[in-house]
Structures are given as C-alpha cells and as structure tokens.
Amino acid sequence: MKKILFLFVVPVLFAASPQYQSGGIVVPAASAQETVLKQFSLEKADQYLEQGAAAWTRKRGCVTCHTTGTYMQIRPELTSILGKPSQEIYELLTGELTGLRKQKVADLNKGTKPAQVIYIAAGLSEWDLHVTKKLSAETKAALKLMFGIQQKSGTWGSLDCWPPLESSAFQEATVAAMAVATAPGWRSGLKDEETKASLAALQKYLRETVPPNDYGSVVLLWASTRMKDLLSTQRRSELVELLWQHQRKDGGWSLRTFSVPEKWGRGNRAAKL
C-alpha cells in the first residue's frame, strides 16, 4: 500500500510559470505540454520534493496540506532510500506547533488551522517513526492539540475550496488516523480516557461515513494500512478493487478520475482540475 503515496506526489519538470520559487529555487508548474522523461529518475523526484518544500517554507513560512504538510507526511518514510528529510522543514513544523499551542480553541477551529494541526501531528509522527525511532515530546503535544480541537462528529473543521487536500473533513480525518497510528508507542501507551474516546469517535466516523468521492476511498485505504484495526478485511478488499478499477491502460493512475471536478470540494476549482 505504500505505493499509494505516488498518486499524490508526481515530479513536474517543465512548465511556463513557476509553481514554487524562492531565491535560486524555481519549481515549474504542471503542464500538459511538459516533456516526459524516457526513464524514471529518483534523483529528479527527490529534487522536486526537496526544492518545492524548501521554496514554500522560505517564501510562505507555513505548514500547508499541499506542500510542507505532505512533504513531512511522506518523505520520512523514504529515509532509508533518500537519506534524512529536511531539518529545515522539521523545524518549521515544531515552530508552528509552538505558536498554535498558544492560541484559543475557537481560533484553532478557523480556516486552515485544523488542517495545519493535523498535518503537523502527522509529519512529526512520521519523523519519530522513521528518523529518530522514538516518540518525541513534540509529537505528543501535537496529538494532544489535534484531539483538543476535534469535533463531536469525530472529524475536524475543514475548508472545501482547494481539492484534493483541502476539500473535505473526511480527507483530514484520514490524515489524523495516520498520525495516531504512526507515532511510535503513542497509542499503546494511551491511558487518558477522554483521548481514548476521541480516538474511538475518529474510527467510528471513518468506518460509517461514506467517502465523498473515490479519492476519499483511496486515502481511507491508505490510512487503514497504518491503523490495522480501522477497517474489516472485506472493506479493505473492496477499496483495493476500487483502486484497480481506476488503473489506466498504461499501468498508472490519473488523479482526475477519482472525482468529478464540479463535485470536488464545493466545485470552485473545476476549471483547474
């Protein structure tokens, strides 16, 4: 199931205007006219990830689902192949966590902040599992903050204007589940009854809520590969079959087949999709 992550991070090499730019870093935006390499390049894929995250950090200085958040959710798992992830991005997450912990719950439920909290928890959990190999105080604090702003429904507040990563509370809940399941020793050492109830509410939400689209089904499957008790064997098999149904003739997948653009989020980005 680890291969699922490649659905969401695709190297982009040539386009008319930059997607990310800071100092000497220029990452071109995606284009249908871009040149396709004849052979896969791990070096170029790694360069795309590192430069995109670095440029965003230096220019924007925030944790976002589509860049620094996703970088920290997936890059640590590739440590054995690509080496240690960026310390700069790690420090961005811990720095943002410090600031968010000082804010009131009401403020943390506004705008992109729930997503920021969730992605910080997920990224720090991945760092602990794959880089330091032990649970950190920062990750414990991030998970505590994450559950501190959870809604009664079991999920979190979410914007719906930037699909796919900020288009539904369902998608955010899957990232939260991965954060919980990934943090080394956190769940097995959990003793607080209130947090246990919050975790149960998260699992109930993901089990009983119909995914908003097939993309939602795929990220649910991804979450279940970490949180082994999230779904039944039958449900996981159904989701795997759904994923195979989206495979294209060339052997790959296209993100655009996983939802109708007008129905992704509130449909405001249909022209971009």
Protein backbone atom coordinates (compact mmCIF):
# COMPACT_ATOMS: atom_id res chain seq x y z
CA MET A 1 0.00 0.00 0.00
CA LYS A 2 2.99 2.33 0.34
CA LYS A 3 2.89 2.85 -3.40
CA ILE A 4 -0.38 4.75 -2.96
CA LEU A 5 1.57 7.84 -1.95
CA PHE A 6 2.80 8.23 -5.53
CA LEU A 7 -0.75 9.12 -6.55
CA PHE A 8 -0.33 12.41 -4.73
CA VAL A 9 3.25 13.43 -5.40
CA VAL A 10 4.32 13.47 -9.05
CA PRO A 11 7.54 15.09 -10.30
CA VAL A 12 6.85 18.04 -12.56
CA LEU A 13 9.76 19.22 -14.65
CA PHE A 14 8.74 21.76 -17.29
CA ALA A 15 6.02 24.42 -17.46
CA ALA A 16 5.55 28.06 -18.36
CA SER A 17 5.45 29.68 -14.90
CA PRO A 18 6.85 28.60 -11.51
CA GLN A 19 4.78 26.61 -9.06
CA TYR A 20 7.25 27.43 -6.29
CA GLN A 21 10.03 29.99 -6.28
CA SER A 22 12.37 31.35 -3.64
CA GLY A 23 15.89 32.65 -4.11
CA GLY A 24 17.67 30.36 -6.54
CA ILE A 25 14.96 27.68 -6.39
CA VAL A 26 12.50 27.60 -9.26
CA VAL A 27 9.98 24.73 -9.49
CA PRO A 28 7.89 24.95 -12.69
CA ALA A 29 4.14 24.43 -12.55
CA ALA A 30 2.50 21.38 -14.09
CA SER A 31 1.71 21.48 -17.79
CA ALA A 32 0.17 19.03 -20.24
CA GLN A 33 2.94 20.03 -22.65
CA GLU A 34 5.82 19.22 -20.32
CA THR A 35 8.47 16.78 -21.51
CA VAL A 36 8.13 13.23 -20.23
CA LEU A 37 11.36 11.52 -19.24
CA LYS A 38 12.15 8.27 -21.02
CA GLN A 39 13.34 6.74 -17.77
CA PHE A 40 12.33 7.31 -14.16
CA SER A 41 14.81 9.46 -12.22
CA LEU A 42 14.85 9.05 -8.45
CA GLU A 43 17.24 11.98 -8.22
CA LYS A 44 14.85 14.33 -10.02
CA ALA A 45 11.88 13.14 -7.97
CA ASP A 46 13.81 13.79 -4.77
CA GLN A 47 14.93 17.19 -6.05
CA TYR A 48 11.32 18.13 -6.80
CA LEU A 49 10.20 17.22 -3.28
CA GLU A 50 13.10 18.95 -1.53
CA GLN A 51 13.11 22.13 -3.58
CA GLY A 52 9.34 22.57 -3.55
CA ALA A 53 9.15 22.21 0.22
CA ALA A 54 12.16 24.47 0.77
CA ALA A 55 10.87 27.20 -1.54
CA TRP A 56 7.46 27.20 0.13
CA THR A 57 8.99 27.32 3.59
CA ARG A 58 11.29 30.22 2.77
CA LYS A 59 8.67 32.25 0.92
CA ARG A 60 5.48 31.42 2.84
CA GLY A 61 6.75 30.10 6.16
CA CYS A 62 3.71 27.97 6.94
CA VAL A 63 2.53 24.36 7.06
CA THR A 64 0.23 23.53 4.16
CA CYS A 65 -1.51 20.33 3.11
CA HIS A 66 -0.22 20.50 -0.45
CA THR A 67 3.46 21.23 0.22
CA THR A 68 5.21 21.15 3.58
CA GLY A 69 2.48 19.09 5.23
CA THR A 70 2.52 16.42 2.54
CA TYR A 71 6.32 16.51 2.41
CA MET A 72 6.53 15.61 6.09
CA GLN A 73 3.78 13.03 5.80
CA ILE A 74 5.60 11.00 3.13
CA ARG A 75 9.28 11.98 2.97
CA PRO A 76 10.41 10.46 6.31
CA GLU A 77 9.31 7.00 5.14
CA LEU A 78 11.85 7.30 2.32
CA THR A 79 14.75 7.95 4.72
CA SER A 80 16.39 4.58 4.04
CA ILE A 81 16.40 5.38 0.31
CA LEU A 82 16.92 9.15 0.13
CA GLY A 83 18.53 9.94 3.47
CA LYS A 84 17.27 12.10 6.33
CA PRO A 85 14.49 14.56 5.44
CA SER A 86 14.98 18.30 5.65
CA GLN A 87 15.77 19.58 9.14
CA GLU A 88 14.50 22.97 7.96
CA ILE A 89 11.02 21.58 7.30
CA TYR A 90 11.02 19.70 10.61
CA GLU A 91 11.84 22.93 12.44
CA LEU A 92 9.07 24.70 10.54
CA LEU A 93 6.57 22.18 11.94
CA THR A 94 7.83 22.37 15.51
CA GLY A 95 7.94 26.16 15.35
CA GLU A 96 4.39 26.37 14.03
CA LEU A 97 3.27 23.92 16.72
CA THR A 98 4.66 26.19 19.42
CA GLY A 99 2.64 29.11 18.07
CA LEU A 100 -0.57 27.13 17.60
CA ARG A 101 -0.46 25.78 21.15
CA LYS A 102 -0.74 29.36 22.43
CA GLN A 103 -4.00 30.00 20.58
CA LYS A 104 -7.54 29.54 21.85
CA VAL A 105 -9.56 26.51 20.71
CA ALA A 106 -12.08 28.77 18.98
CA ASP A 107 -9.31 30.30 16.89
CA LEU A 108 -7.79 26.91 16.10
CA ASN A 109 -11.08 25.85 14.53
CA LYS A 110 -10.96 28.64 11.94
CA GLY A 111 -9.79 28.48 8.33
CA THR A 112 -6.86 26.22 7.59
CA LYS A 113 -5.76 25.83 11.20
CA PRO A 114 -7.39 22.42 11.84
CA ALA A 115 -5.58 21.08 8.77
CA GLN A 116 -2.32 22.64 9.94
CA VAL A 117 -2.60 20.99 13.34
CA ILE A 118 -3.40 17.61 11.79
CA TYR A 119 -0.57 17.74 9.27
CA ILE A 120 1.89 18.83 11.94
CA ALA A 121 0.89 15.84 14.06
CA ALA A 122 1.16 13.52 11.06
CA GLY A 123 4.53 14.88 9.97
CA LEU A 124 6.08 14.72 13.42
CA SER A 125 4.76 11.17 13.89
CA GLU A 126 6.41 10.12 10.64
CA TRP A 127 9.66 11.79 11.70
CA ASP A 128 9.63 9.93 15.01
CA LEU A 129 8.95 6.56 13.37
CA HIS A 130 11.41 6.77 10.51
CA VAL A 131 14.13 9.21 11.63
CA THR A 132 14.61 9.23 15.41
CA LYS A 133 12.85 5.88 16.01
CA LYS A 134 11.23 7.13 19.22
CA LEU A 135 8.23 9.17 20.33
CA SER A 136 9.07 12.82 20.99
CA ALA A 137 7.54 15.38 23.32
CA GLU A 138 6.68 17.49 20.27
CA THR A 139 4.66 14.71 18.67
CA LYS A 140 2.79 14.01 21.90
CA ALA A 141 1.98 17.70 22.18
CA ALA A 142 0.79 17.82 18.56
CA LEU A 143 -1.51 14.82 19.00
CA LYS A 144 -2.92 16.30 22.21
CA LEU A 145 -3.63 19.57 20.42
CA MET A 146 -5.18 17.71 17.49
CA PHE A 147 -7.68 15.87 19.65
CA GLY A 148 -8.29 19.03 21.65
CA ILE A 149 -9.96 20.63 18.61
CA GLN A 150 -11.77 17.53 17.33
CA GLN A 151 -15.48 17.94 16.61
CA LYS A 152 -18.17 15.78 18.23
CA SER A 153 -18.72 14.03 14.90
CA GLY A 154 -15.22 12.57 15.15
CA THR A 155 -13.60 14.68 12.46
CA TRP A 156 -12.28 18.25 12.25
CA GLY A 157 -13.24 21.52 10.65
CA SER A 158 -12.21 21.76 7.01
CA LEU A 159 -12.20 24.15 4.09
CA ASP A 160 -13.67 22.89 0.84
CA CYS A 161 -12.03 25.18 -1.68
CA TRP A 162 -8.67 23.55 -2.53
CA PRO A 163 -9.14 19.97 -3.67
CA PRO A 164 -7.98 17.37 -3.20
CA LEU A 165 -6.05 18.02 0.03
CA GLU A 166 -8.34 20.71 1.44
CA SER A 167 -11.72 19.73 0.14
CA SER A 168 -13.33 17.60 2.85
CA ALA A 169 -13.31 16.83 6.54
CA PHE A 170 -13.15 13.17 5.54
CA GLN A 171 -9.72 13.55 3.98
CA GLU A 172 -8.45 15.37 7.07
CA ALA A 173 -9.75 12.58 9.30
CA THR A 174 -7.71 10.00 7.37
CA VAL A 175 -4.55 12.05 7.94
CA ALA A 176 -5.38 12.27 11.65
CA ALA A 177 -5.79 8.49 11.78
CA MET A 178 -2.39 8.03 10.16
CA ALA A 179 -0.83 10.40 12.69
CA VAL A 180 -2.25 8.35 15.56
CA ALA A 181 -1.20 5.01 14.12
CA THR A 182 2.27 6.15 13.10
CA ALA A 183 3.51 7.81 16.30
CA PRO A 184 5.72 5.10 17.84
CA GLY A 185 4.23 3.76 21.07
CA TRP A 186 1.70 6.57 21.45
CA ARG A 187 -1.47 4.55 21.06
CA SER A 188 -0.28 1.54 23.05
CA GLY A 189 0.69 3.84 25.90
CA LEU A 190 -2.54 5.85 25.85
CA LYS A 191 -4.18 5.97 29.29
CA ASP A 192 -6.32 9.11 29.19
CA GLU A 193 -9.96 8.02 28.87
CA GLU A 194 -11.06 11.22 27.18
CA THR A 195 -8.46 10.81 24.45
CA LYS A 196 -9.40 7.15 24.05
CA ALA A 197 -13.00 8.23 23.49
CA SER A 198 -11.85 10.81 20.95
CA LEU A 199 -9.90 8.15 19.07
CA ALA A 200 -12.94 5.86 19.10
CA ALA A 201 -15.02 8.71 17.66
CA LEU A 202 -12.47 9.17 14.86
CA GLN A 203 -12.59 5.49 13.98
CA LYS A 204 -16.39 5.45 14.08
CA TYR A 205 -16.51 8.45 11.75
CA LEU A 206 -14.20 6.83 9.19
CA ARG A 207 -16.00 3.49 9.34
CA GLU A 208 -19.51 4.87 9.00
CA THR A 209 -19.10 7.94 6.80
CA VAL A 210 -19.44 7.42 3.06
CA PRO A 211 -16.32 8.86 1.38
CA PRO A 212 -17.17 12.00 -0.62
CA ASN A 213 -15.55 10.53 -3.74
CA ASP A 214 -13.23 7.73 -4.85
CA TYR A 215 -10.23 9.80 -3.82
CA GLY A 216 -11.64 9.71 -0.31
CA SER A 217 -11.86 5.93 -0.58
CA VAL A 218 -8.19 5.71 -1.56
CA VAL A 219 -6.94 7.83 1.35
CA LEU A 220 -9.16 5.76 3.65
CA LEU A 221 -7.41 2.66 2.34
CA TRP A 222 -4.04 4.33 2.88
CA ALA A 223 -4.95 5.16 6.49
CA SER A 224 -6.03 1.57 7.08
CA THR A 225 -2.56 0.31 6.12
CA ARG A 226 -1.25 2.09 9.21
CA MET A 227 -4.25 1.73 11.53
CA LYS A 228 -4.75 -2.00 11.14
CA ASP A 229 -7.97 -2.19 13.16
CA LEU A 230 -9.69 0.63 11.29
CA LEU A 231 -11.42 -1.46 8.60
CA SER A 232 -12.53 -5.03 8.14
CA THR A 233 -10.68 -7.29 5.72
CA GLN A 234 -13.70 -7.24 3.41
CA ARG A 235 -13.87 -3.43 3.39
CA ARG A 236 -10.18 -3.14 2.62
CA SER A 237 -10.53 -5.63 -0.22
CA GLU A 238 -13.36 -3.56 -1.67
CA LEU A 239 -11.22 -0.44 -1.58
CA VAL A 240 -8.30 -2.23 -3.21
CA GLU A 241 -10.60 -3.38 -6.01
CA LEU A 242 -11.84 0.20 -6.44
CA LEU A 243 -8.25 1.37 -6.82
CA TRP A 244 -7.59 -1.24 -9.53
CA GLN A 245 -10.68 -0.09 -11.39
CA HIS A 246 -9.10 3.34 -11.80
CA GLN A 247 -5.89 1.99 -13.32
CA ARG A 248 -5.23 3.30 -16.82
CA LYS A 249 -4.11 1.28 -19.83
CA ASP A 250 -0.53 2.50 -19.44
CA GLY A 251 -0.38 0.94 -15.96
CA GLY A 252 -0.66 4.15 -13.97
CA TRP A 253 -3.41 6.27 -12.46
CA SER A 254 -4.81 9.74 -13.07
CA LEU A 255 -5.96 11.83 -10.13
CA ARG A 256 -8.69 13.34 -12.31
CA THR A 257 -10.60 10.06 -12.50
CA PHE A 258 -11.20 9.93 -8.76
CA SER A 259 -13.90 12.61 -8.66
CA VAL A 260 -15.97 14.84 -10.91
CA PRO A 261 -14.30 18.30 -10.84
CA GLU A 262 -17.59 20.11 -10.23
CA LYS A 263 -18.23 17.94 -7.17
CA TRP A 264 -14.75 18.06 -5.67
CA GLY A 265 -15.00 20.26 -2.61
CA ARG A 266 -17.53 22.92 -3.50
CA GLY A 267 -16.64 22.80 -7.18
CA ASN A 268 -14.91 26.17 -7.30
CA ARG A 269 -11.71 24.69 -8.74
CA ALA A 270 -13.36 22.74 -11.55
CA ALA A 271 -11.56 24.71 -14.25
CA LYS A 272 -8.21 23.86 -12.67
CA LEU A 273 -8.97 20.15 -12.46
